[in-house]
């Protein structure tokens, strides 16, 4: 996929118009239209801004590869380790309920439409009721 196609796809995923993206980059929508048609190419500083806006790597944006986020996020934080400990204590039904709630939170906070994840089937993203134990250990 070429830059022009990637840019258009990312812009549509974020539900941005050419005008809005142009405003975010401090230039007119015609620049975006020219990028998406392949008539012009952005400068390197503008490519960096575009990659930042869409939270993707420059390689992904330029069509070098299909890896949106090539950098590993440090998942050894105390918060993540605490999450991992609690997750390990859950039964399978509770784990699935937690996964559903996390998908809902991502859906609720995202401006990007969340596509159905094959590994989780056709589950509709909607609010769920959480079952919270009375006064769970560690919470007051």
C-alpha atoms as a PDB file:
ATOM      1  CA  UNK A   1       0.000   0.000   0.000  1.00  0.00           C
ATOM      2  CA  UNK A   2       1.349   3.432  -0.920  1.00  0.00           C
ATOM      3  CA  UNK A   3       1.463   6.540   1.277  1.00  0.00           C
ATOM      4  CA  UNK A   4      -1.522   8.121  -0.501  1.00  0.00           C
ATOM      5  CA  UNK A   5      -3.676   5.054   0.191  1.00  0.00           C
ATOM      6  CA  UNK A   6      -2.489   4.709   3.793  1.00  0.00           C
ATOM      7  CA  UNK A   7      -3.207   8.376   4.506  1.00  0.00           C
ATOM      8  CA  UNK A   8      -6.738   8.155   3.143  1.00  0.00           C
ATOM      9  CA  UNK A   9      -7.428   4.914   5.034  1.00  0.00           C
ATOM     10  CA  UNK A  10      -6.121   6.319   8.334  1.00  0.00           C
ATOM     11  CA  UNK A  11      -8.021   9.572   7.884  1.00  0.00           C
ATOM     12  CA  UNK A  12     -11.265   7.702   7.271  1.00  0.00           C
ATOM     13  CA  UNK A  13     -10.649   5.372  10.235  1.00  0.00           C
ATOM     14  CA  UNK A  14     -10.414   8.428  12.472  1.00  0.00           C
ATOM     15  CA  UNK A  15     -13.471   9.926  10.756  1.00  0.00           C
ATOM     16  CA  UNK A  16     -11.546  13.045   9.807  1.00  0.00           C
ATOM     17  CA  UNK A  17     -12.358  15.157   6.788  1.00  0.00           C
ATOM     18  CA  UNK A  18      -9.589  16.466   4.565  1.00  0.00           C
ATOM     19  CA  UNK A  19     -10.400  19.919   5.939  1.00  0.00           C
ATOM     20  CA  UNK A  20     -10.023  18.807   9.572  1.00  0.00           C
ATOM     21  CA  UNK A  21      -6.741  16.980   8.920  1.00  0.00           C
ATOM     22  CA  UNK A  22      -5.468  20.029   7.041  1.00  0.00           C
ATOM     23  CA  UNK A  23      -6.320  22.196  10.058  1.00  0.00           C
ATOM     24  CA  UNK A  24      -4.468  19.793  12.359  1.00  0.00           C
ATOM     25  CA  UNK A  25      -1.393  20.155  10.143  1.00  0.00           C
ATOM     26  CA  UNK A  26      -1.857  23.927   9.740  1.00  0.00           C
ATOM     27  CA  UNK A  27      -2.591  23.953   6.025  1.00  0.00           C
ATOM     28  CA  UNK A  28      -5.557  23.728   3.682  1.00  0.00           C
ATOM     29  CA  UNK A  29      -7.551  20.690   2.679  1.00  0.00           C
ATOM     30  CA  UNK A  30      -6.182  20.893  -0.873  1.00  0.00           C
ATOM     31  CA  UNK A  31      -2.800  19.746   0.468  1.00  0.00           C
ATOM     32  CA  UNK A  32      -4.475  16.633   1.888  1.00  0.00           C
ATOM     33  CA  UNK A  33      -6.373  16.063  -1.361  1.00  0.00           C
ATOM     34  CA  UNK A  34      -3.091  16.345  -3.262  1.00  0.00           C
ATOM     35  CA  UNK A  35      -1.395  13.864  -0.907  1.00  0.00           C
ATOM     36  CA  UNK A  36      -4.262  11.391  -1.247  1.00  0.00           C
ATOM     37  CA  UNK A  37      -4.261  11.656  -5.038  1.00  0.00           C
ATOM     38  CA  UNK A  38      -0.486  11.204  -5.206  1.00  0.00           C
ATOM     39  CA  UNK A  39       0.107  14.617  -6.826  1.00  0.00           C
ATOM     40  CA  UNK A  40       2.286  15.823  -3.911  1.00  0.00           C
ATOM     41  CA  UNK A  41       4.334  14.300  -1.109  1.00  0.00           C
ATOM     42  CA  UNK A  42       4.695  15.781   2.392  1.00  0.00           C
ATOM     43  CA  UNK A  43       8.003  16.919   3.821  1.00  0.00           C
ATOM     44  CA  UNK A  44       9.722  14.798   6.458  1.00  0.00           C
ATOM     45  CA  UNK A  45       8.580  17.097   9.323  1.00  0.00           C
ATOM     46  CA  UNK A  46       5.002  16.832   8.011  1.00  0.00           C
ATOM     47  CA  UNK A  47       5.308  13.032   7.760  1.00  0.00           C
ATOM     48  CA  UNK A  48       6.351  12.998  11.422  1.00  0.00           C
ATOM     49  CA  UNK A  49       3.293  15.074  12.343  1.00  0.00           C
ATOM     50  CA  UNK A  50       0.965  12.826  10.334  1.00  0.00           C
ATOM     51  CA  UNK A  51       2.425   9.680  11.921  1.00  0.00           C
ATOM     52  CA  UNK A  52       1.965  11.271  15.343  1.00  0.00           C
ATOM     53  CA  UNK A  53      -1.650  12.267  14.632  1.00  0.00           C
ATOM     54  CA  UNK A  54      -2.531   8.706  13.642  1.00  0.00           C
ATOM     55  CA  UNK A  55      -0.254   7.095  16.239  1.00  0.00           C
ATOM     56  CA  UNK A  56       1.538   4.941  13.664  1.00  0.00           C
ATOM     57  CA  UNK A  57       5.162   4.466  12.670  1.00  0.00           C
ATOM     58  CA  UNK A  58       6.585   6.303   9.666  1.00  0.00           C
ATOM     59  CA  UNK A  59       7.313   2.906   8.066  1.00  0.00           C
ATOM     60  CA  UNK A  60       3.635   2.015   8.324  1.00  0.00           C
ATOM     61  CA  UNK A  61       2.553   5.414   7.006  1.00  0.00           C
ATOM     62  CA  UNK A  62       4.896   5.129   4.025  1.00  0.00           C
ATOM     63  CA  UNK A  63       3.826   1.561   3.241  1.00  0.00           C
ATOM     64  CA  UNK A  64       7.220   0.037   4.054  1.00  0.00           C
ATOM     65  CA  UNK A  65       5.502  -2.534   6.278  1.00  0.00           C
ATOM     66  CA  UNK A  66       2.108  -3.310   7.792  1.00  0.00           C
ATOM     67  CA  UNK A  67       3.147  -2.971  11.444  1.00  0.00           C
ATOM     68  CA  UNK A  68       1.387   0.048  12.925  1.00  0.00           C
ATOM     69  CA  UNK A  69       3.222   0.010  16.266  1.00  0.00           C
ATOM     70  CA  UNK A  70       6.632  -1.657  15.917  1.00  0.00           C
ATOM     71  CA  UNK A  71       7.926  -0.648  19.321  1.00  0.00           C
ATOM     72  CA  UNK A  72       7.308  -2.833  22.340  1.00  0.00           C
ATOM     73  CA  UNK A  73       5.599  -1.005  25.176  1.00  0.00           C
ATOM     74  CA  UNK A  74       7.130  -1.564  28.580  1.00  0.00           C
ATOM     75  CA  UNK A  75       4.623  -3.891  30.204  1.00  0.00           C
ATOM     76  CA  UNK A  76       6.650  -4.502  33.332  1.00  0.00           C
ATOM     77  CA  UNK A  77       5.157  -1.567  35.213  1.00  0.00           C
ATOM     78  CA  UNK A  78       3.835  -2.079  38.729  1.00  0.00           C
ATOM     79  CA  UNK A  79       0.272  -1.371  37.507  1.00  0.00           C
ATOM     80  CA  UNK A  80       0.481  -3.987  34.770  1.00  0.00           C
ATOM     81  CA  UNK A  81       1.955  -6.555  37.131  1.00  0.00           C
ATOM     82  CA  UNK A  82      -0.879  -5.875  39.594  1.00  0.00           C
ATOM     83  CA  UNK A  83      -3.390  -6.354  36.762  1.00  0.00           C
ATOM     84  CA  UNK A  84      -1.656  -9.608  35.809  1.00  0.00           C
ATOM     85  CA  UNK A  85      -1.888 -10.899  39.412  1.00  0.00           C
ATOM     86  CA  UNK A  86      -5.606 -10.151  39.662  1.00  0.00           C
ATOM     87  CA  UNK A  87      -6.266 -11.592  36.194  1.00  0.00           C
ATOM     88  CA  UNK A  88      -4.597 -14.871  37.178  1.00  0.00           C
ATOM     89  CA  UNK A  89      -7.025 -15.212  40.108  1.00  0.00           C
ATOM     90  CA  UNK A  90     -10.121 -15.070  37.878  1.00  0.00           C
ATOM     91  CA  UNK A  91     -12.049 -18.050  36.541  1.00  0.00           C
ATOM     92  CA  UNK A  92     -12.633 -18.347  32.784  1.00  0.00           C
ATOM     93  CA  UNK A  93     -16.106 -16.765  32.894  1.00  0.00           C
ATOM     94  CA  UNK A  94     -14.789 -13.767  34.812  1.00  0.00           C
ATOM     95  CA  UNK A  95     -11.847 -13.415  32.419  1.00  0.00           C
ATOM     96  CA  UNK A  96     -14.249 -13.257  29.483  1.00  0.00           C
ATOM     97  CA  UNK A  97     -16.376 -10.678  31.319  1.00  0.00           C
ATOM     98  CA  UNK A  98     -13.256  -8.586  31.966  1.00  0.00           C
ATOM     99  CA  UNK A  99     -12.249  -8.827  28.295  1.00  0.00           C
ATOM    100  CA  UNK A 100     -15.717  -7.643  27.291  1.00  0.00           C
ATOM    101  CA  UNK A 101     -15.476  -4.687  29.640  1.00  0.00           C
ATOM    102  CA  UNK A 102     -12.013  -3.753  28.350  1.00  0.00           C
ATOM    103  CA  UNK A 103     -13.284  -3.905  24.753  1.00  0.00           C
ATOM    104  CA  UNK A 104     -16.183  -1.661  25.783  1.00  0.00           C
ATOM    105  CA  UNK A 105     -13.815   0.871  27.396  1.00  0.00           C
ATOM    106  CA  UNK A 106     -11.638   0.999  24.279  1.00  0.00           C
ATOM    107  CA  UNK A 107     -14.759   1.405  22.145  1.00  0.00           C
ATOM    108  CA  UNK A 108     -16.128   4.162  24.400  1.00  0.00           C
ATOM    109  CA  UNK A 109     -12.868   6.147  24.453  1.00  0.00           C
ATOM    110  CA  UNK A 110     -11.934   5.689  20.827  1.00  0.00           C
ATOM    111  CA  UNK A 111     -12.695   7.933  17.885  1.00  0.00           C
ATOM    112  CA  UNK A 112     -11.654   5.012  15.703  1.00  0.00           C
ATOM    113  CA  UNK A 113     -14.381   2.434  15.083  1.00  0.00           C
ATOM    114  CA  UNK A 114     -13.447  -0.832  16.777  1.00  0.00           C
ATOM    115  CA  UNK A 115     -13.708  -3.709  14.341  1.00  0.00           C
ATOM    116  CA  UNK A 116     -14.886  -7.141  15.385  1.00  0.00           C
ATOM    117  CA  UNK A 117     -12.008  -9.191  16.689  1.00  0.00           C
ATOM    118  CA  UNK A 118     -12.081 -12.676  15.179  1.00  0.00           C
ATOM    119  CA  UNK A 119     -10.767 -14.218  18.380  1.00  0.00           C
ATOM    120  CA  UNK A 120     -13.785 -12.886  20.278  1.00  0.00           C
ATOM    121  CA  UNK A 121     -16.417 -13.600  17.651  1.00  0.00           C
ATOM    122  CA  UNK A 122     -19.449 -11.500  16.887  1.00  0.00           C
ATOM    123  CA  UNK A 123     -19.916 -10.022  20.375  1.00  0.00           C
ATOM    124  CA  UNK A 124     -21.563  -6.612  20.230  1.00  0.00           C
ATOM    125  CA  UNK A 125     -19.736  -3.836  22.076  1.00  0.00           C
ATOM    126  CA  UNK A 126     -22.134  -2.404  24.634  1.00  0.00           C
ATOM    127  CA  UNK A 127     -22.169  -1.574  28.345  1.00  0.00           C
ATOM    128  CA  UNK A 128     -22.033  -4.551  30.666  1.00  0.00           C
ATOM    129  CA  UNK A 129     -22.920  -4.993  34.302  1.00  0.00           C
ATOM    130  CA  UNK A 130     -19.972  -5.776  36.519  1.00  0.00           C
ATOM    131  CA  UNK A 131     -20.249  -8.121  39.462  1.00  0.00           C
ATOM    132  CA  UNK A 132     -18.135  -6.591  42.219  1.00  0.00           C
ATOM    133  CA  UNK A 133     -17.457  -8.489  45.413  1.00  0.00           C
ATOM    134  CA  UNK A 134     -18.284  -6.722  48.648  1.00  0.00           C
ATOM    135  CA  UNK A 135     -15.146  -5.075  49.991  1.00  0.00           C
ATOM    136  CA  UNK A 136     -12.581  -7.007  47.891  1.00  0.00           C
ATOM    137  CA  UNK A 137      -9.141  -7.428  49.444  1.00  0.00           C
ATOM    138  CA  UNK A 138      -7.048  -4.301  49.051  1.00  0.00           C
ATOM    139  CA  UNK A 139     -10.001  -1.940  48.514  1.00  0.00           C
ATOM    140  CA  UNK A 140     -11.713   0.084  51.208  1.00  0.00           C
END
